[in-house]
Every structure is written in structure tokens, then in C-alpha cells.
Amino acid sequence: MPRVRPRRLRATPALRRAVSETRLHPSDLVLPIFVREGVDEPVAISSMPGVVQHTLDSVRGAVNEAAAAGIGGVMLFGVPEVRDAVGSGATDPDGILNLATRVVADEVGDALVVQTDLCLDEFTDHGHCGVLDAIGRVDNDATLERYREMALVQAASGSALLGLSGMMDGQVAAVREALDTSGFIDTAVLAYSAKYASAYYGPFREAVASTLQGDRRSYQLDPGNRREGLREAMIDIEEGADIVMVKPAGSYLDVLSDVAAASDVPVWAYQVSGEYAMIEAAAANGWIDRQRAVHESVVGIRRAGADTVLTYWATELAGWLNDGVVA
């Protein structure tokens, strides 16, 4: 007869709750939101069932619902009508992302952390995260100048947390300096530190109507590189990042765990569009229990070390947590 019986602590729901190592709370979740210019009603994203491109009006309802659910924040992405080589719309105070930021900050700025994507890919006609040089390569240092300009406009529009997702060398230091010298010392910086050149971004390309030509492997990380992800996070922390992030989440839990173990700032993870789409597709076919799979996928990301998870299920999952449907 075994003397040590770990099953004792799994015998009842009450015991399982009492010894649970990882718990989710609505405030652990951030909802990514797309706002599109030039539409009169929300536009469904076919590859992401349940997710839409919002109008400036409909986004109000979405963020109020998120606030009522008690999630931690919203990350805003803009989808402009017109794009050019340098992403001019990104630094136009009346561009779609900056307009949306003002709307959302005014609506729920006291209840949610209003966050903005600081990257040029949605605004350039070539779809890259920076400006291109004469032979078509992404020019790192010229891009940093654009990021500085974007940071100031986004901060002035009411963003409390700038999500630096472009993976340019030195981007954290450049943006932090621009913010501090212009008086935005309280605007925080979220560094997408370990952002991998992943196949899981496919549905996101539809969500932002991407015009990408080529790929982003010259600046995003090789999926096979684990140590490099940690190195990038440590560089960003040294440059002044307030939070660092690993993206995608589910296929990079080892990197997430490494970063969480080494970081002295909060560590977040982004459960990206492809991760969302796969669970939704499997659930739609009756192959998995949707609610359990959604909850388990986010618990796994938290268990690996993420303090906060960006997920398209944030509001819905928070509702389940609030209702006690999942724990």
C-alpha cells in the first residue's frame, strides 16, 4: 500500500481549490482591440470568429464591457484607410489610432490601463515595422526617429502604456528618452522583447489589413532561438522598459519561463491571433470543449511565468471567472 498519496489533494473540488498553484483573475487579462477608419459599423474578422474591427463608436461599448468585467486593460491597434512609405498616419494626431486612444481614454481611462501599439506596420504601404532604406531593407535607426515621434503623439493622446512591438535595436532607450525629455515621465513602456517571426500571426494580418511584402525575419526572432529571447528581454530592461513581453505565448513557454525567472520587472505574454483561431476552429468542429480549452490555455501561460496575458478572450474569460464558471 502506498504511503504517499498525492491524489488525496485532488479528491474534491474544495481540496483542489485549496492547493491550486496558479489562479486567474480578470485583472490578469488585457484585451487587444482593432479600430478601423472609414467604416460605419463593426467589421467581422473571418479568421478570428467573434473578433471585429471596431468603429470609433462601437469601441466605446467594447471597452465599457471590458471595464465592467474587471480586466486589466486594453491594447489598441489602428487600421487606417491610407498608408504610405513612412507611416504618416501613425504620427497624425487625428489618425485613427490616436483618435481611438482619446476616445477610449476618455471613456474608461480611470478603469482600465489604456495601451497602444507603437509600431509602423499598420501604417506603412509596404507593411514593415519600420521605414525602408534605398535597397528595401528596414532602416533601424531611421525607424527609431519615427518611434520617438509616435511615442509623443500616443502619450499626448492619453495612452498610459506604449507597446513597442517593432523589434528595432535600441527602441526602448529611444522612446524612453523622448518621453522623459518631453515631460511624459509617467507614461510607461511595454517592450515586446522576445517577439518571434511566427506563423501564428496569420489572422492578425487580416485584422489590420496588412500590406506586408516579404517577411520580418531580419528583425523578429528565429523560432529556434531560446537564449536570444532572454537576451533581448535583459537588454530592454537595461534600457528602461517597465514591462517586458514574450510573443507568441503558447509555443514559447520555455522562453517565457526563462524571462520570468530572470526579470525584475513584470513579464507579460501575448496569446496571438493564430492561437485564438486554432482553438476557435477546433471548438467549432466539436473536437474540444471550448470553455475548458480557452481557460486551460491561459492558465498555462500564467503558470509559465506571465504576470499578465494579452488575449482576445479577455472579456469573455473574465466573465466566466466572475461567474465562477471557471476558477
C-alpha atoms as a PDB file:
ATOM      1  CA  MET A   1       0.000   0.000   0.000  1.00  0.00           C
ATOM      2  CA  PRO A   2       1.468   3.401  -0.920  1.00  0.00           C
ATOM      3  CA  ARG A   3       2.101   5.736   1.999  1.00  0.00           C
ATOM      4  CA  VAL A   4       2.454   8.850  -0.175  1.00  0.00           C
ATOM      5  CA  ARG A   5      -0.801   9.508  -1.981  1.00  0.00           C
ATOM      6  CA  PRO A   6      -0.767  12.801  -3.955  1.00  0.00           C
ATOM      7  CA  ARG A   7      -4.312  12.006  -5.081  1.00  0.00           C
ATOM      8  CA  ARG A   8      -5.577  12.918  -1.613  1.00  0.00           C
ATOM      9  CA  LEU A   9      -5.304  16.580  -2.560  1.00  0.00           C
ATOM     10  CA  ARG A  10      -7.293  16.045  -5.755  1.00  0.00           C
ATOM     11  CA  ALA A  11     -10.216  14.247  -4.176  1.00  0.00           C
ATOM     12  CA  THR A  12     -12.746  17.101  -4.033  1.00  0.00           C
ATOM     13  CA  PRO A  13     -13.282  20.451  -5.714  1.00  0.00           C
ATOM     14  CA  ALA A  14     -12.652  22.195  -2.382  1.00  0.00           C
ATOM     15  CA  LEU A  15      -9.306  20.442  -1.912  1.00  0.00           C
ATOM     16  CA  ARG A  16      -8.283  21.166  -5.482  1.00  0.00           C
ATOM     17  CA  ARG A  17      -9.072  24.848  -4.992  1.00  0.00           C
ATOM     18  CA  ALA A  18      -7.181  24.922  -1.712  1.00  0.00           C
ATOM     19  CA  VAL A  19      -3.930  23.679  -3.256  1.00  0.00           C
ATOM     20  CA  SER A  20      -4.186  25.345  -6.666  1.00  0.00           C
ATOM     21  CA  GLU A  21      -0.796  26.787  -7.646  1.00  0.00           C
ATOM     22  CA  THR A  22      -1.965  29.068 -10.445  1.00  0.00           C
ATOM     23  CA  ARG A  23      -5.100  31.183 -10.318  1.00  0.00           C
ATOM     24  CA  LEU A  24      -6.537  33.560 -12.858  1.00  0.00           C
ATOM     25  CA  HIS A  25      -8.095  36.892 -12.017  1.00  0.00           C
ATOM     26  CA  PRO A  26      -9.779  39.231 -14.504  1.00  0.00           C
ATOM     27  CA  SER A  27      -7.114  41.880 -13.820  1.00  0.00           C
ATOM     28  CA  ASP A  28      -4.503  39.457 -15.217  1.00  0.00           C
ATOM     29  CA  LEU A  29      -6.012  39.909 -18.689  1.00  0.00           C
ATOM     30  CA  VAL A  30      -5.624  42.555 -21.396  1.00  0.00           C
ATOM     31  CA  LEU A  31      -7.892  42.751 -24.442  1.00  0.00           C
ATOM     32  CA  PRO A  32      -6.400  43.652 -27.844  1.00  0.00           C
ATOM     33  CA  ILE A  33      -8.844  45.811 -29.841  1.00  0.00           C
ATOM     34  CA  PHE A  34      -8.812  46.860 -33.502  1.00  0.00           C
ATOM     35  CA  VAL A  35     -10.309  50.199 -34.549  1.00  0.00           C
ATOM     36  CA  ARG A  36     -10.800  50.799 -38.270  1.00  0.00           C
ATOM     37  CA  GLU A  37     -11.055  54.081 -40.088  1.00  0.00           C
ATOM     38  CA  GLY A  38     -13.823  54.728 -42.586  1.00  0.00           C
ATOM     39  CA  VAL A  39     -16.414  52.152 -41.515  1.00  0.00           C
ATOM     40  CA  ASP A  40     -19.892  52.793 -40.128  1.00  0.00           C
ATOM     41  CA  GLU A  41     -20.326  49.512 -38.283  1.00  0.00           C
ATOM     42  CA  PRO A  42     -18.029  46.810 -36.877  1.00  0.00           C
ATOM     43  CA  VAL A  43     -16.423  44.543 -39.474  1.00  0.00           C
ATOM     44  CA  ALA A  44     -16.097  40.845 -38.650  1.00  0.00           C
ATOM     45  CA  ILE A  45     -12.643  39.271 -38.974  1.00  0.00           C
ATOM     46  CA  SER A  46     -13.292  35.949 -40.715  1.00  0.00           C
ATOM     47  CA  SER A  47     -10.216  34.161 -39.383  1.00  0.00           C
ATOM     48  CA  MET A  48     -10.951  35.253 -35.801  1.00  0.00           C
ATOM     49  CA  PRO A  49     -14.574  34.348 -35.057  1.00  0.00           C
ATOM     50  CA  GLY A  50     -16.071  36.755 -32.545  1.00  0.00           C
ATOM     51  CA  VAL A  51     -13.439  39.468 -33.088  1.00  0.00           C
ATOM     52  CA  VAL A  52     -14.209  42.605 -35.098  1.00  0.00           C
ATOM     53  CA  GLN A  53     -12.661  45.791 -36.380  1.00  0.00           C
ATOM     54  CA  HIS A  54     -14.466  48.431 -34.342  1.00  0.00           C
ATOM     55  CA  THR A  55     -15.672  51.867 -35.297  1.00  0.00           C
ATOM     56  CA  LEU A  56     -14.950  54.833 -33.060  1.00  0.00           C
ATOM     57  CA  ASP A  57     -18.493  54.450 -31.764  1.00  0.00           C
ATOM     58  CA  SER A  58     -18.607  50.696 -31.239  1.00  0.00           C
ATOM     59  CA  VAL A  59     -15.279  50.664 -29.426  1.00  0.00           C
ATOM     60  CA  ARG A  60     -16.939  52.579 -26.598  1.00  0.00           C
ATOM     61  CA  GLY A  61     -19.232  49.668 -25.876  1.00  0.00           C
ATOM     62  CA  ALA A  62     -16.402  47.150 -26.074  1.00  0.00           C
ATOM     63  CA  VAL A  63     -14.182  48.977 -23.598  1.00  0.00           C
ATOM     64  CA  ASN A  64     -17.038  49.631 -21.191  1.00  0.00           C
ATOM     65  CA  GLU A  65     -17.875  45.927 -21.258  1.00  0.00           C
ATOM     66  CA  ALA A  66     -14.219  45.156 -20.592  1.00  0.00           C
ATOM     67  CA  ALA A  67     -14.121  47.587 -17.697  1.00  0.00           C
ATOM     68  CA  ALA A  68     -17.287  46.111 -16.203  1.00  0.00           C
ATOM     69  CA  ALA A  69     -15.689  42.652 -16.381  1.00  0.00           C
ATOM     70  CA  GLY A  70     -12.715  43.960 -14.405  1.00  0.00           C
ATOM     71  CA  ILE A  71      -9.941  43.150 -16.841  1.00  0.00           C
ATOM     72  CA  GLY A  72      -6.609  44.927 -16.550  1.00  0.00           C
ATOM     73  CA  GLY A  73      -6.515  46.928 -19.754  1.00  0.00           C
ATOM     74  CA  VAL A  74      -6.979  47.211 -23.499  1.00  0.00           C
ATOM     75  CA  MET A  75      -4.331  47.309 -26.227  1.00  0.00           C
ATOM     76  CA  LEU A  76      -5.407  49.435 -29.193  1.00  0.00           C
ATOM     77  CA  PHE A  77      -4.461  48.853 -32.831  1.00  0.00           C
ATOM     78  CA  GLY A  78      -5.404  51.247 -35.624  1.00  0.00           C
ATOM     79  CA  VAL A  79      -6.428  50.259 -39.153  1.00  0.00           C
ATOM     80  CA  PRO A  80      -6.096  53.333 -41.413  1.00  0.00           C
ATOM     81  CA  GLU A  81      -7.644  53.925 -44.820  1.00  0.00           C
ATOM     82  CA  VAL A  82      -4.480  55.431 -46.337  1.00  0.00           C
ATOM     83  CA  ARG A  83      -0.888  54.246 -45.900  1.00  0.00           C
ATOM     84  CA  ASP A  84       2.447  55.494 -47.150  1.00  0.00           C
ATOM     85  CA  ALA A  85       6.126  54.600 -47.054  1.00  0.00           C
ATOM     86  CA  VAL A  86       6.846  56.212 -43.687  1.00  0.00           C
ATOM     87  CA  GLY A  87       3.538  55.509 -41.959  1.00  0.00           C
ATOM     88  CA  SER A  88       2.471  59.133 -41.696  1.00  0.00           C
ATOM     89  CA  GLY A  89      -0.858  58.192 -40.152  1.00  0.00           C
ATOM     90  CA  ALA A  90       0.899  56.891 -37.070  1.00  0.00           C
ATOM     91  CA  THR A  91       2.012  60.366 -36.050  1.00  0.00           C
ATOM     92  CA  ASP A  92      -1.058  62.273 -37.203  1.00  0.00           C
ATOM     93  CA  PRO A  93      -2.855  63.405 -34.022  1.00  0.00           C
ATOM     94  CA  ASP A  94      -6.096  62.831 -35.905  1.00  0.00           C
ATOM     95  CA  GLY A  95      -5.010  59.433 -37.279  1.00  0.00           C
ATOM     96  CA  ILE A  96      -7.265  56.518 -36.390  1.00  0.00           C
ATOM     97  CA  LEU A  97      -5.130  55.080 -33.585  1.00  0.00           C
ATOM     98  CA  ASN A  98      -4.648  58.405 -31.862  1.00  0.00           C
ATOM     99  CA  LEU A  99      -8.314  59.307 -32.240  1.00  0.00           C
ATOM    100  CA  ALA A 100      -9.291  55.934 -30.803  1.00  0.00           C
ATOM    101  CA  THR A 101      -6.897  56.427 -27.911  1.00  0.00           C
ATOM    102  CA  ARG A 102      -8.534  59.704 -26.974  1.00  0.00           C
ATOM    103  CA  VAL A 103     -11.986  58.143 -27.203  1.00  0.00           C
ATOM    104  CA  VAL A 104     -11.043  55.140 -25.068  1.00  0.00           C
ATOM    105  CA  ALA A 105      -9.051  57.142 -22.521  1.00  0.00           C
ATOM    106  CA  ASP A 106     -11.994  59.484 -22.096  1.00  0.00           C
ATOM    107  CA  GLU A 107     -14.410  56.570 -21.793  1.00  0.00           C
ATOM    108  CA  VAL A 108     -12.559  54.187 -19.429  1.00  0.00           C
ATOM    109  CA  GLY A 109      -9.192  55.744 -18.639  1.00  0.00           C
ATOM    110  CA  ASP A 110      -9.876  55.581 -14.904  1.00  0.00           C
ATOM    111  CA  ALA A 111     -10.953  51.932 -15.003  1.00  0.00           C
ATOM    112  CA  LEU A 112      -8.544  50.330 -17.467  1.00  0.00           C
ATOM    113  CA  VAL A 113      -4.918  50.748 -18.463  1.00  0.00           C
ATOM    114  CA  VAL A 114      -5.236  52.238 -21.950  1.00  0.00           C
ATOM    115  CA  GLN A 115      -2.409  50.840 -24.068  1.00  0.00           C
ATOM    116  CA  THR A 116      -1.367  51.484 -27.655  1.00  0.00           C
ATOM    117  CA  ASP A 117       0.599  49.535 -30.216  1.00  0.00           C
ATOM    118  CA  LEU A 118       3.685  51.559 -31.099  1.00  0.00           C
ATOM    119  CA  CYS A 119       4.715  50.153 -34.461  1.00  0.00           C
ATOM    120  CA  LEU A 120       4.563  51.280 -38.067  1.00  0.00           C
ATOM    121  CA  ASP A 121       3.365  48.097 -39.751  1.00  0.00           C
ATOM    122  CA  GLU A 122      -0.319  49.046 -39.767  1.00  0.00           C
ATOM    123  CA  PHE A 123       0.508  52.439 -41.287  1.00  0.00           C
ATOM    124  CA  THR A 124       3.100  51.661 -43.989  1.00  0.00           C
ATOM    125  CA  ASP A 125       2.210  50.728 -47.535  1.00  0.00           C
ATOM    126  CA  HIS A 126       4.886  48.015 -47.509  1.00  0.00           C
ATOM    127  CA  GLY A 127       3.678  46.555 -44.219  1.00  0.00           C
ATOM    128  CA  HIS A 128       7.011  46.528 -42.406  1.00  0.00           C
ATOM    129  CA  CYS A 129       7.515  47.718 -38.843  1.00  0.00           C
ATOM    130  CA  GLY A 130       9.885  50.487 -39.900  1.00  0.00           C
ATOM    131  CA  VAL A 131      10.943  52.731 -42.740  1.00  0.00           C
ATOM    132  CA  LEU A 132      12.920  51.229 -45.600  1.00  0.00           C
ATOM    133  CA  ASP A 133      16.319  52.260 -46.932  1.00  0.00           C
ATOM    134  CA  ALA A 134      17.250  52.724 -50.586  1.00  0.00           C
ATOM    135  CA  ILE A 135      17.529  48.988 -51.245  1.00  0.00           C
ATOM    136  CA  GLY A 136      14.403  47.969 -49.367  1.00  0.00           C
ATOM    137  CA  ARG A 137      15.805  46.928 -46.003  1.00  0.00           C
ATOM    138  CA  VAL A 138      14.271  48.120 -42.735  1.00  0.00           C
ATOM    139  CA  ASP A 139      16.432  51.015 -41.551  1.00  0.00           C
ATOM    140  CA  ASN A 140      16.783  50.528 -37.799  1.00  0.00           C
ATOM    141  CA  ASP A 141      17.976  53.992 -36.785  1.00  0.00           C
ATOM    142  CA  ALA A 142      15.690  55.930 -39.117  1.00  0.00           C
ATOM    143  CA  THR A 143      12.822  53.896 -37.684  1.00  0.00           C
ATOM    144  CA  LEU A 144      13.781  54.906 -34.151  1.00  0.00           C
ATOM    145  CA  GLU A 145      13.166  58.532 -35.110  1.00  0.00           C
ATOM    146  CA  ARG A 146       9.652  57.634 -36.209  1.00  0.00           C
ATOM    147  CA  TYR A 147       9.091  55.700 -32.973  1.00  0.00           C
ATOM    148  CA  ARG A 148      10.111  58.748 -30.948  1.00  0.00           C
ATOM    149  CA  GLU A 149       7.533  60.813 -32.804  1.00  0.00           C
ATOM    150  CA  MET A 150       4.867  58.151 -32.368  1.00  0.00           C
ATOM    151  CA  ALA A 151       5.556  57.909 -28.640  1.00  0.00           C
ATOM    152  CA  LEU A 152       4.929  61.589 -28.092  1.00  0.00           C
ATOM    153  CA  VAL A 153       1.682  61.623 -30.066  1.00  0.00           C
ATOM    154  CA  GLN A 154       0.375  58.484 -28.369  1.00  0.00           C
ATOM    155  CA  ALA A 155       1.262  59.778 -24.906  1.00  0.00           C
ATOM    156  CA  ALA A 156      -0.396  63.112 -25.653  1.00  0.00           C
ATOM    157  CA  SER A 157      -3.494  61.233 -26.851  1.00  0.00           C
ATOM    158  CA  GLY A 158      -3.864  59.541 -23.483  1.00  0.00           C
ATOM    159  CA  SER A 159      -2.029  56.235 -23.763  1.00  0.00           C
ATOM    160  CA  ALA A 160      -0.761  55.137 -20.351  1.00  0.00           C
ATOM    161  CA  LEU A 161       1.381  52.294 -21.699  1.00  0.00           C
ATOM    162  CA  LEU A 162       3.162  52.219 -25.045  1.00  0.00           C
ATOM    163  CA  GLY A 163       3.560  48.766 -26.562  1.00  0.00           C
ATOM    164  CA  LEU A 164       6.835  48.778 -28.500  1.00  0.00           C
ATOM    165  CA  SER A 165       6.313  45.875 -30.878  1.00  0.00           C
ATOM    166  CA  GLY A 166       8.636  46.701 -33.774  1.00  0.00           C
ATOM    167  CA  MET A 167      11.745  44.823 -32.563  1.00  0.00           C
ATOM    168  CA  MET A 168      14.185  47.566 -33.545  1.00  0.00           C
ATOM    169  CA  ASP A 169      17.501  47.637 -31.687  1.00  0.00           C
ATOM    170  CA  GLY A 170      17.519  50.469 -29.149  1.00  0.00           C
ATOM    171  CA  GLN A 171      13.794  51.182 -29.367  1.00  0.00           C
ATOM    172  CA  VAL A 172      13.216  51.216 -25.610  1.00  0.00           C
ATOM    173  CA  ALA A 173      16.044  53.657 -24.933  1.00  0.00           C
ATOM    174  CA  ALA A 174      14.954  55.902 -27.803  1.00  0.00           C
ATOM    175  CA  VAL A 175      11.318  56.068 -26.717  1.00  0.00           C
ATOM    176  CA  ARG A 176      12.132  56.438 -23.032  1.00  0.00           C
ATOM    177  CA  GLU A 177      14.409  59.390 -23.784  1.00  0.00           C
ATOM    178  CA  ALA A 178      11.797  61.035 -25.993  1.00  0.00           C
ATOM    179  CA  LEU A 179       9.101  60.665 -23.356  1.00  0.00           C
ATOM    180  CA  ASP A 180      11.239  61.905 -20.494  1.00  0.00           C
ATOM    181  CA  THR A 181      12.625  64.933 -22.292  1.00  0.00           C
ATOM    182  CA  SER A 182       9.100  65.954 -23.342  1.00  0.00           C
ATOM    183  CA  GLY A 183       7.600  65.689 -19.876  1.00  0.00           C
ATOM    184  CA  PHE A 184       5.851  62.318 -20.221  1.00  0.00           C
ATOM    185  CA  ILE A 185       7.783  60.771 -17.358  1.00  0.00           C
ATOM    186  CA  ASP A 186       4.763  58.809 -16.117  1.00  0.00           C
ATOM    187  CA  THR A 187       3.989  57.152 -19.449  1.00  0.00           C
ATOM    188  CA  ALA A 188       5.104  53.525 -19.158  1.00  0.00           C
ATOM    189  CA  VAL A 189       6.870  51.386 -21.761  1.00  0.00           C
ATOM    190  CA  LEU A 190       5.955  47.789 -22.565  1.00  0.00           C
ATOM    191  CA  ALA A 191       8.724  46.179 -24.600  1.00  0.00           C
ATOM    192  CA  TYR A 192       7.787  43.342 -26.923  1.00  0.00           C
ATOM    193  CA  SER A 193      11.191  41.934 -26.103  1.00  0.00           C
ATOM    194  CA  ALA A 194      11.059  38.349 -27.319  1.00  0.00           C
ATOM    195  CA  LYS A 195       8.855  38.663 -30.392  1.00  0.00           C
ATOM    196  CA  TYR A 196       9.342  35.752 -32.737  1.00  0.00           C
ATOM    197  CA  ALA A 197       8.937  35.558 -36.530  1.00  0.00           C
ATOM    198  CA  SER A 198       5.942  33.276 -36.123  1.00  0.00           C
ATOM    199  CA  ALA A 199       3.395  31.626 -38.392  1.00  0.00           C
ATOM    200  CA  TYR A 200       0.800  32.240 -35.684  1.00  0.00           C
ATOM    201  CA  TYR A 201       0.319  35.879 -36.729  1.00  0.00           C
ATOM    202  CA  GLY A 202      -1.668  34.953 -39.841  1.00  0.00           C
ATOM    203  CA  PRO A 203      -5.149  36.041 -38.700  1.00  0.00           C
ATOM    204  CA  PHE A 204      -3.729  39.288 -37.301  1.00  0.00           C
ATOM    205  CA  ARG A 205      -2.697  40.209 -40.839  1.00  0.00           C
ATOM    206  CA  GLU A 206      -6.364  40.126 -41.800  1.00  0.00           C
ATOM    207  CA  ALA A 207      -7.310  42.062 -38.669  1.00  0.00           C
ATOM    208  CA  VAL A 208      -5.082  45.008 -39.598  1.00  0.00           C
ATOM    209  CA  ALA A 209      -5.453  44.607 -43.392  1.00  0.00           C
ATOM    210  CA  SER A 210      -1.708  44.071 -43.616  1.00  0.00           C
ATOM    211  CA  THR A 211       0.124  45.082 -46.779  1.00  0.00           C
ATOM    212  CA  LEU A 212       3.293  43.192 -45.835  1.00  0.00           C
ATOM    213  CA  GLN A 213       5.711  42.484 -48.656  1.00  0.00           C
ATOM    214  CA  GLY A 214       8.264  39.801 -47.800  1.00  0.00           C
ATOM    215  CA  ASP A 215       8.763  38.787 -44.182  1.00  0.00           C
ATOM    216  CA  ARG A 216      10.079  40.154 -40.888  1.00  0.00           C
ATOM    217  CA  ARG A 217      12.824  37.657 -40.181  1.00  0.00           C
ATOM    218  CA  SER A 218      15.546  40.300 -40.268  1.00  0.00           C
ATOM    219  CA  TYR A 219      14.198  41.867 -37.077  1.00  0.00           C
ATOM    220  CA  GLN A 220      11.915  39.350 -35.346  1.00  0.00           C
ATOM    221  CA  LEU A 221      13.479  36.376 -33.573  1.00  0.00           C
ATOM    222  CA  ASP A 222      14.170  32.946 -35.057  1.00  0.00           C
ATOM    223  CA  PRO A 223      11.652  30.471 -33.562  1.00  0.00           C
ATOM    224  CA  GLY A 224      14.504  28.094 -32.740  1.00  0.00           C
ATOM    225  CA  ASN A 225      16.357  30.565 -30.504  1.00  0.00           C
ATOM    226  CA  ARG A 226      15.682  30.322 -26.781  1.00  0.00           C
ATOM    227  CA  ARG A 227      18.665  32.162 -25.286  1.00  0.00           C
ATOM    228  CA  GLU A 228      18.208  35.083 -27.668  1.00  0.00           C
ATOM    229  CA  GLY A 229      14.746  35.741 -26.277  1.00  0.00           C
ATOM    230  CA  LEU A 230      16.138  36.126 -22.771  1.00  0.00           C
ATOM    231  CA  ARG A 231      18.985  38.293 -24.050  1.00  0.00           C
ATOM    232  CA  GLU A 232      16.560  40.663 -25.769  1.00  0.00           C
ATOM    233  CA  ALA A 233      14.489  40.994 -22.597  1.00  0.00           C
ATOM    234  CA  MET A 234      17.541  41.780 -20.484  1.00  0.00           C
ATOM    235  CA  ILE A 235      18.635  44.462 -22.972  1.00  0.00           C
ATOM    236  CA  ASP A 236      15.186  46.067 -22.851  1.00  0.00           C
ATOM    237  CA  ILE A 237      15.162  46.076 -19.055  1.00  0.00           C
ATOM    238  CA  GLU A 238      18.574  47.736 -19.038  1.00  0.00           C
ATOM    239  CA  GLU A 239      17.257  50.382 -21.461  1.00  0.00           C
ATOM    240  CA  GLY A 240      14.385  51.215 -19.138  1.00  0.00           C
ATOM    241  CA  ALA A 241      11.427  49.004 -20.054  1.00  0.00           C
ATOM    242  CA  ASP A 242       8.764  48.997 -17.363  1.00  0.00           C
ATOM    243  CA  ILE A 243       7.357  45.666 -18.580  1.00  0.00           C
ATOM    244  CA  VAL A 244       8.749  43.054 -20.981  1.00  0.00           C
ATOM    245  CA  MET A 245       6.780  40.646 -23.135  1.00  0.00           C
ATOM    246  CA  VAL A 246       7.097  37.321 -24.919  1.00  0.00           C
ATOM    247  CA  LYS A 247       5.103  36.850 -28.138  1.00  0.00           C
ATOM    248  CA  PRO A 248       3.592  34.437 -29.148  1.00  0.00           C
ATOM    249  CA  ALA A 249       2.818  32.751 -25.855  1.00  0.00           C
ATOM    250  CA  GLY A 250       1.762  29.129 -26.230  1.00  0.00           C
ATOM    251  CA  SER A 251       4.669  27.839 -28.323  1.00  0.00           C
ATOM    252  CA  TYR A 252       7.253  29.868 -26.368  1.00  0.00           C
ATOM    253  CA  LEU A 253       6.537  28.906 -22.773  1.00  0.00           C
ATOM    254  CA  ASP A 254      10.185  27.953 -22.256  1.00  0.00           C
ATOM    255  CA  VAL A 255      11.277  31.459 -23.259  1.00  0.00           C
ATOM    256  CA  LEU A 256       8.556  32.943 -21.072  1.00  0.00           C
ATOM    257  CA  SER A 257       9.739  30.887 -18.112  1.00  0.00           C
ATOM    258  CA  ASP A 258      13.350  31.950 -18.696  1.00  0.00           C
ATOM    259  CA  VAL A 259      12.431  35.622 -18.842  1.00  0.00           C
ATOM    260  CA  ALA A 260      10.166  35.418 -15.795  1.00  0.00           C
ATOM    261  CA  ALA A 261      12.923  33.783 -13.762  1.00  0.00           C
ATOM    262  CA  ALA A 262      15.454  36.476 -14.641  1.00  0.00           C
ATOM    263  CA  SER A 263      13.336  39.645 -14.823  1.00  0.00           C
ATOM    264  CA  ASP A 264      12.925  42.169 -12.036  1.00  0.00           C
ATOM    265  CA  VAL A 265      10.083  43.904 -13.920  1.00  0.00           C
ATOM    266  CA  PRO A 266       6.644  42.461 -14.772  1.00  0.00           C
ATOM    267  CA  VAL A 267       6.576  39.903 -17.581  1.00  0.00           C
ATOM    268  CA  TRP A 268       3.612  39.691 -19.946  1.00  0.00           C
ATOM    269  CA  ALA A 269       2.750  37.346 -22.798  1.00  0.00           C
ATOM    270  CA  TYR A 270       0.577  37.757 -25.890  1.00  0.00           C
ATOM    271  CA  GLN A 271      -1.713  34.894 -26.849  1.00  0.00           C
ATOM    272  CA  VAL A 272      -1.758  35.771 -30.520  1.00  0.00           C
ATOM    273  CA  SER A 273      -4.352  35.544 -33.269  1.00  0.00           C
ATOM    274  CA  GLY A 274      -3.298  32.125 -34.539  1.00  0.00           C
ATOM    275  CA  GLU A 275      -3.544  30.630 -31.062  1.00  0.00           C
ATOM    276  CA  TYR A 276      -7.043  32.083 -30.759  1.00  0.00           C
ATOM    277  CA  ALA A 277      -8.076  30.902 -34.226  1.00  0.00           C
ATOM    278  CA  MET A 278      -6.923  27.321 -33.697  1.00  0.00           C
ATOM    279  CA  ILE A 279      -8.945  26.839 -30.513  1.00  0.00           C
ATOM    280  CA  GLU A 280     -11.988  28.507 -32.051  1.00  0.00           C
ATOM    281  CA  ALA A 281     -11.745  26.304 -35.153  1.00  0.00           C
ATOM    282  CA  ALA A 282     -11.341  23.097 -33.162  1.00  0.00           C
ATOM    283  CA  ALA A 283     -14.228  24.039 -30.882  1.00  0.00           C
ATOM    284  CA  ALA A 284     -16.448  24.914 -33.838  1.00  0.00           C
ATOM    285  CA  ASN A 285     -15.852  21.411 -35.182  1.00  0.00           C
ATOM    286  CA  GLY A 286     -16.763  19.857 -31.852  1.00  0.00           C
ATOM    287  CA  TRP A 287     -13.278  18.483 -31.318  1.00  0.00           C
ATOM    288  CA  ILE A 288     -12.591  20.187 -27.974  1.00  0.00           C
ATOM    289  CA  ASP A 289     -14.502  21.765 -25.111  1.00  0.00           C
ATOM    290  CA  ARG A 290     -14.169  25.451 -25.977  1.00  0.00           C
ATOM    291  CA  GLN A 291     -14.545  26.900 -22.483  1.00  0.00           C
ATOM    292  CA  ARG A 292     -12.128  24.467 -20.879  1.00  0.00           C
ATOM    293  CA  ALA A 293      -9.590  24.854 -23.674  1.00  0.00           C
ATOM    294  CA  VAL A 294      -9.664  28.650 -23.502  1.00  0.00           C
ATOM    295  CA  HIS A 295      -9.237  28.637 -19.735  1.00  0.00           C
ATOM    296  CA  GLU A 296      -6.505  25.983 -19.782  1.00  0.00           C
ATOM    297  CA  SER A 297      -4.545  27.769 -22.481  1.00  0.00           C
ATOM    298  CA  VAL A 298      -4.407  30.993 -20.456  1.00  0.00           C
ATOM    299  CA  VAL A 299      -3.672  29.176 -17.185  1.00  0.00           C
ATOM    300  CA  GLY A 300      -0.723  27.515 -18.928  1.00  0.00           C
ATOM    301  CA  ILE A 301       0.674  30.890 -19.940  1.00  0.00           C
ATOM    302  CA  ARG A 302       0.280  32.224 -16.404  1.00  0.00           C
ATOM    303  CA  ARG A 303       1.837  29.054 -14.971  1.00  0.00           C
ATOM    304  CA  ALA A 304       4.897  29.527 -17.176  1.00  0.00           C
ATOM    305  CA  GLY A 305       5.504  32.937 -15.608  1.00  0.00           C
ATOM    306  CA  ALA A 306       3.347  35.592 -17.256  1.00  0.00           C
ATOM    307  CA  ASP A 307       2.028  38.179 -14.829  1.00  0.00           C
ATOM    308  CA  THR A 308      -0.499  39.346 -17.428  1.00  0.00           C
ATOM    309  CA  VAL A 309      -1.806  37.786 -20.631  1.00  0.00           C
ATOM    310  CA  LEU A 310      -2.990  39.654 -23.714  1.00  0.00           C
ATOM    311  CA  THR A 311      -5.779  37.516 -25.133  1.00  0.00           C
ATOM    312  CA  TYR A 312      -8.748  38.063 -27.429  1.00  0.00           C
ATOM    313  CA  TRP A 313     -10.846  36.146 -24.891  1.00  0.00           C
ATOM    314  CA  ALA A 314     -10.064  38.622 -22.092  1.00  0.00           C
ATOM    315  CA  THR A 315     -13.562  39.996 -21.533  1.00  0.00           C
ATOM    316  CA  GLU A 316     -15.324  36.672 -22.048  1.00  0.00           C
ATOM    317  CA  LEU A 317     -12.891  34.779 -19.823  1.00  0.00           C
ATOM    318  CA  ALA A 318     -13.188  37.458 -17.134  1.00  0.00           C
ATOM    319  CA  GLY A 319     -16.945  36.955 -17.228  1.00  0.00           C
ATOM    320  CA  TRP A 320     -16.525  33.246 -16.623  1.00  0.00           C
ATOM    321  CA  LEU A 321     -14.184  33.936 -13.730  1.00  0.00           C
ATOM    322  CA  ASN A 322     -16.580  36.451 -12.216  1.00  0.00           C
ATOM    323  CA  ASP A 323     -19.472  33.985 -12.522  1.00  0.00           C
ATOM    324  CA  GLY A 324     -17.467  31.136 -11.010  1.00  0.00           C
ATOM    325  CA  VAL A 325     -17.854  29.026 -14.138  1.00  0.00           C
ATOM    326  CA  VAL A 326     -14.084  28.528 -14.243  1.00  0.00           C
ATOM    327  CA  ALA A 327     -11.595  29.091 -11.442  1.00  0.00           C
END
